Protein backbone atom coordinates (compact mmCIF):
# COMPACT_ATOMS: atom_id res chain seq x y z
CA MET A 1 65.82 103.67 -47.83
CA GLY A 2 67.07 107.11 -46.77
CA LYS A 3 69.60 107.62 -44.08
CA GLY A 4 68.15 108.66 -40.73
CA LEU A 5 69.26 111.77 -38.90
CA ALA A 6 72.19 111.31 -36.57
CA PRO A 7 71.18 111.43 -32.92
CA HIS A 8 71.82 114.80 -31.16
CA ARG A 9 74.88 114.61 -28.92
CA ARG A 10 75.42 116.96 -25.97
CA PRO A 11 78.89 118.51 -25.84
CA PRO A 12 81.07 117.03 -23.14
CA GLY A 13 81.10 119.04 -19.85
CA PHE A 14 82.42 118.93 -16.31
CA THR A 15 80.86 116.60 -13.86
CA LEU A 16 80.05 117.89 -10.39
CA ILE A 17 83.05 116.05 -8.96
CA GLU A 18 85.38 117.63 -11.51
CA LEU A 19 83.99 121.08 -10.76
CA LEU A 20 84.56 120.60 -7.04
CA VAL A 21 88.12 119.47 -7.71
CA VAL A 22 88.82 122.59 -9.83
CA ILE A 23 87.35 124.85 -7.13
CA ALA A 24 89.47 123.13 -4.49
CA ILE A 25 92.63 123.61 -6.59
CA ILE A 26 91.84 127.31 -7.09
CA ALA A 27 91.28 127.74 -3.35
CA ILE A 28 94.63 126.08 -2.58
CA LEU A 29 96.45 128.28 -5.09
CA ALA A 30 94.78 131.39 -3.69
CA GLY A 31 95.82 130.37 -0.20
CA LEU A 32 99.40 130.02 -1.38
CA LEU A 33 99.47 133.26 -3.36
CA LEU A 34 97.70 135.66 -0.98
CA PRO A 35 100.46 135.70 1.68
CA ALA A 36 103.02 136.34 -1.06
CA LEU A 37 100.92 139.18 -2.46
CA GLY A 38 100.46 140.62 1.03
CA LYS A 39 104.21 140.48 1.62
CA ALA A 40 104.89 142.15 -1.74
CA LYS A 41 102.46 144.95 -0.86
CA SER A 42 104.09 145.44 2.56
CA THR A 43 107.52 145.58 0.92
CA ALA A 44 106.31 148.18 -1.59
CA VAL A 45 104.85 150.37 1.20
CA ARG A 46 108.05 150.07 3.22
CA THR A 47 110.14 151.04 0.16
CA ALA A 48 107.93 154.08 -0.47
CA CYS A 49 108.30 155.14 3.16
CA LEU A 50 112.09 154.86 2.98
CA SER A 51 112.07 156.96 -0.19
CA ASN A 52 110.05 159.66 1.59
CA TYR A 53 112.59 159.81 4.39
CA ARG A 54 115.55 160.05 2.05
CA GLN A 55 113.87 162.98 0.29
CA LEU A 56 113.03 164.72 3.54
CA ASN A 57 116.54 164.22 4.85
CA LEU A 58 117.90 165.71 1.62
CA CYS A 59 115.77 168.81 2.27
CA TRP A 60 117.33 169.01 5.75
CA LEU A 61 120.85 168.85 4.31
CA MET A 62 120.03 171.39 1.56
CA TYR A 63 118.69 173.82 4.15
CA ALA A 64 121.93 173.54 6.12
CA GLY A 65 123.91 174.06 2.92
CA ASP A 66 122.02 177.31 2.29
CA HIS A 67 122.38 178.56 5.88
CA ARG A 68 126.09 178.20 6.62
CA ASP A 69 125.71 174.73 8.10
CA GLN A 70 122.94 175.82 10.50
CA MET A 71 120.26 173.16 10.98
CA PRO A 72 116.61 174.08 10.48
CA PRO A 73 114.92 175.01 13.78
CA ASN A 74 113.02 172.29 15.62
CA GLU A 75 111.38 174.26 18.42
CA THR A 76 108.13 173.35 20.16
CA LEU A 77 105.66 175.19 22.36
CA LEU A 78 104.35 172.92 25.11
CA GLY A 79 100.77 173.62 26.12
CA GLY A 80 100.21 170.79 28.57
CA ASN A 81 98.01 168.57 26.41
CA ARG A 82 98.13 166.81 23.08
CA SER A 83 96.17 169.43 21.17
CA ALA A 84 98.16 172.36 22.58
CA ASN A 85 101.70 171.06 21.95
CA THR A 86 102.64 172.79 18.70
CA ALA A 87 105.72 173.73 16.71
CA THR A 88 106.81 177.37 16.66
CA PRO A 89 106.25 179.47 13.52
CA GLN A 90 109.91 179.26 12.53
CA THR A 91 110.41 175.53 12.80
CA TRP A 92 110.97 172.92 10.07
CA VAL A 93 107.26 172.05 10.10
CA ARG A 94 104.55 173.96 11.90
CA GLY A 95 101.40 172.92 13.70
CA ASN A 96 100.24 169.73 15.35
CA ALA A 97 99.90 166.41 13.51
CA TYR A 98 97.06 165.34 15.81
CA THR A 99 94.82 168.34 15.07
CA ASP A 100 95.84 169.70 11.64
CA THR A 101 93.10 169.08 9.07
CA ASP A 102 95.13 170.01 5.98
CA THR A 103 98.72 170.53 4.78
CA THR A 104 98.89 174.28 5.53
CA ALA A 105 101.31 173.81 8.43
CA ILE A 106 103.59 171.59 6.32
CA GLU A 107 103.65 174.11 3.48
CA ALA A 108 104.56 176.90 5.92
CA GLY A 109 107.60 175.02 7.24
CA VAL A 110 111.14 176.02 6.29
CA LEU A 111 111.88 172.72 4.51
CA PHE A 112 108.89 172.79 2.16
CA PRO A 113 110.56 175.01 -0.50
CA TYR A 114 113.17 172.28 -1.04
CA ASN A 115 110.55 169.65 -1.95
CA ARG A 116 106.99 170.80 -2.51
CA SER A 117 105.42 167.38 -2.06
CA THR A 118 103.41 167.01 1.14
CA ARG A 119 103.32 163.23 0.70
CA ILE A 120 106.88 162.79 1.96
CA TYR A 121 105.74 163.89 5.44
CA LYS A 122 103.53 160.84 5.97
CA CYS A 123 104.12 157.09 6.03
CA PRO A 124 101.89 155.46 3.38
CA ALA A 125 100.92 152.83 5.97
CA ASP A 126 99.59 155.42 8.44
CA ARG A 127 95.78 155.14 8.67
CA SER A 128 95.30 157.51 11.62
CA THR A 129 92.78 160.36 11.53
CA VAL A 130 92.57 163.90 12.89
CA ARG A 131 91.73 163.78 16.60
CA ASP A 132 91.12 160.02 16.12
CA LEU A 133 87.60 160.73 14.87
CA LYS A 134 87.87 158.41 11.83
CA LYS A 135 86.88 161.21 9.44
CA ILE A 136 89.86 163.20 8.13
CA PRO A 137 93.18 161.40 7.47
CA ARG A 138 96.14 162.96 9.21
CA VAL A 139 98.71 164.64 6.99
CA ARG A 140 101.94 163.96 8.92
CA SER A 141 103.55 161.03 10.69
CA VAL A 142 107.17 162.24 10.73
CA ALA A 143 108.98 163.94 13.61
CA MET A 144 112.53 165.23 14.01
CA SER A 145 114.89 164.13 16.75
CA ALA A 146 115.05 166.68 19.57
CA SER A 147 118.85 166.47 19.35
CA MET A 148 118.64 168.38 16.05
CA ASN A 149 118.43 172.08 16.98
CA THR A 150 115.39 171.85 19.21
CA SER A 151 116.61 174.88 21.13
CA PRO A 152 118.44 177.95 19.74
CA SER A 153 120.77 178.04 22.73
CA PRO A 154 122.37 175.06 24.53
CA ARG A 155 121.25 176.69 27.79
CA ASP A 156 117.56 176.96 26.88
CA ASP A 157 114.85 174.56 27.90
CA GLY A 158 117.22 172.00 29.39
CA TYR A 159 118.34 170.71 25.98
CA ALA A 160 122.06 171.11 26.45
CA TYR A 161 122.64 168.04 24.30
CA CYS A 162 121.20 169.34 21.02
CA TRP A 163 123.31 170.10 17.96
CA HIS A 164 122.95 173.34 16.00
CA ARG A 165 125.19 172.75 12.98
CA VAL A 166 125.60 169.64 10.87
CA THR A 167 129.37 169.70 11.36
CA ASP A 168 128.83 169.56 15.14
CA ILE A 169 127.80 165.92 14.76
CA VAL A 170 130.89 163.87 15.50
CA SER A 171 129.95 161.23 18.08
CA PRO A 172 127.78 159.47 17.19
CA ALA A 173 128.98 159.71 13.61
CA PRO A 174 126.57 161.26 11.08
CA ALA A 175 125.62 157.79 9.82
CA GLN A 176 124.39 156.90 13.34
CA ALA A 177 122.87 160.28 14.32
CA LEU A 178 119.08 160.17 14.05
CA VAL A 179 117.36 163.06 12.22
CA PHE A 180 113.83 162.01 11.23
CA LEU A 181 111.66 159.11 12.32
CA ASP A 182 108.10 157.93 11.98
CA GLU A 183 106.37 158.63 15.28
CA HIS A 184 103.58 156.40 16.62
CA GLU A 185 100.07 157.56 15.68
CA ASN A 186 99.11 157.51 19.37
CA SER A 187 102.07 159.69 20.32
CA ILE A 188 102.68 162.29 17.60
CA GLU A 189 101.59 165.91 17.91
CA ASN A 190 104.34 168.57 17.66
CA SER A 191 107.37 168.56 15.38
CA ARG A 192 109.99 166.90 17.57
CA PHE A 193 110.66 163.46 19.00
CA ALA A 194 112.03 163.58 22.54
CA ILE A 195 113.33 160.98 24.97
CA PRO A 196 115.09 161.55 28.31
CA GLN A 197 118.84 161.36 28.82
CA PRO A 198 120.52 157.92 29.00
CA GLY A 199 119.92 156.34 32.39
CA ASP A 200 116.25 157.30 32.44
CA TRP A 201 114.29 154.29 31.16
CA THR A 202 111.18 156.13 30.03
CA TRP A 203 109.84 156.88 26.58
CA ILE A 204 108.58 160.48 26.38
CA ASP A 205 107.44 160.12 22.77
CA PHE A 206 107.18 156.71 21.10
CA PRO A 207 108.24 155.48 17.62
CA ALA A 208 105.85 154.00 15.06
CA THR A 209 105.53 150.24 14.65
CA ARG A 210 103.83 150.14 11.25
CA HIS A 211 106.28 148.11 9.18
CA GLY A 212 106.03 144.71 10.83
CA GLY A 213 106.93 146.18 14.20
CA GLY A 214 109.49 148.54 12.68
CA VAL A 215 110.04 152.30 12.51
CA THR A 216 111.40 154.20 9.51
CA THR A 217 114.41 156.38 10.39
CA SER A 218 116.85 158.69 8.62
CA PHE A 219 120.30 159.90 9.59
CA ALA A 220 122.58 162.91 9.27
CA ASP A 221 124.56 161.37 6.40
CA GLY A 222 121.34 161.16 4.35
CA HIS A 223 120.53 157.43 4.43
CA ALA A 224 117.31 155.86 5.74
CA GLU A 225 116.51 152.47 7.22
CA VAL A 226 113.82 150.59 9.14
CA TRP A 227 114.54 149.67 12.76
CA ARG A 228 112.61 146.75 14.16
CA LEU A 229 111.49 147.14 17.77
CA VAL A 230 112.25 143.93 19.62
CA SER A 231 111.44 144.27 23.33
CA ALA A 232 108.29 143.07 25.06
CA ASP A 233 107.83 146.54 26.55
CA SER A 234 107.86 148.07 23.05
CA ARG A 235 105.15 145.66 21.91
CA ARG A 236 103.09 146.49 25.00
CA ILE A 237 103.41 150.25 24.55
CA GLY A 238 102.82 150.10 20.81
CA ALA A 239 99.43 148.45 21.40
CA LYS A 240 98.24 151.08 23.89
CA PRO A 241 95.44 153.51 23.01
CA PRO A 242 96.13 157.27 22.84
CA TRP A 243 97.85 159.14 24.36
CA ILE A 244 101.26 157.35 24.57
CA GLN A 245 103.72 159.44 26.59
CA PHE A 246 106.07 158.91 29.55
CA GLU A 247 105.96 155.11 29.37
CA SER A 248 108.44 153.29 31.59
CA VAL A 249 110.38 150.22 30.46
CA LYS A 250 112.80 147.80 32.07
CA THR A 251 116.34 149.00 32.72
CA GLY A 252 118.52 148.27 29.71
CA ASP A 253 115.61 148.05 27.26
CA PRO A 254 117.30 147.35 23.87
CA ASP A 255 115.01 149.60 21.84
CA LEU A 256 115.31 152.65 24.07
CA SER A 257 119.07 151.99 24.35
CA ARG A 258 119.34 152.11 20.57
CA PHE A 259 117.55 155.46 20.45
CA HIS A 260 119.73 156.82 23.28
CA ALA A 261 122.82 156.00 21.21
CA ALA A 262 121.41 157.68 18.09
CA ILE A 263 120.09 160.84 19.75
CA PHE A 264 122.57 161.88 22.46
CA SER A 265 126.08 163.18 21.95
CA ARG A 266 128.87 161.00 23.36
CA ARG A 267 131.41 163.82 23.46
């Protein structure tokens, strides 16, 4: 009698319960990993922004080295509204960050020959658009402290506090003297960042809050760092729609105090 054929056996597979368990495990792992990945991405963007500021600050120092210690000009023409406030033709960067549709104004600035990358003029986390129309990305988020040669003469324009040469910076020391910073997308237009003298608790312009509530800054010695804004008034102002200017805060506001110390001479 011949041997019969062996019965056909189905290969073993997952049961529905096992499949659901595997899916649940994957979901848990994804939930654990996504925050870590998000944090890693934020750290990478912050590092790139700091690198941009170090490069831009190096351009500033190289310009001074080529011009007998004279800082690049940082003048602005005030036209009374956000679109009309522009940098003069001879300043470190021309134009208006709110209205410029391309990098022409950046390339015409006096610092551009020292580093011909337009990317260093914009925080990689900045998602703002020209005239806030959600069509054309803006090309610049950086501004220069008004204490850095905003006026050719100490008597002009009321800016008696501004420095004209790098060696003028003594107090605060160069490592504490603000040069560049990332300005808030709802505040930036011309080339300079201005605040009133100490004792006046009002922001004229307002710093960016893109890096977890922090603003990228660079200093006269060449280093860059991120300052975290900590006051309730800063959080309130940072969440306002355009245009942010002349915003009052409580007396002694720690964020504005920090900028006062980094912008104004204590001679």
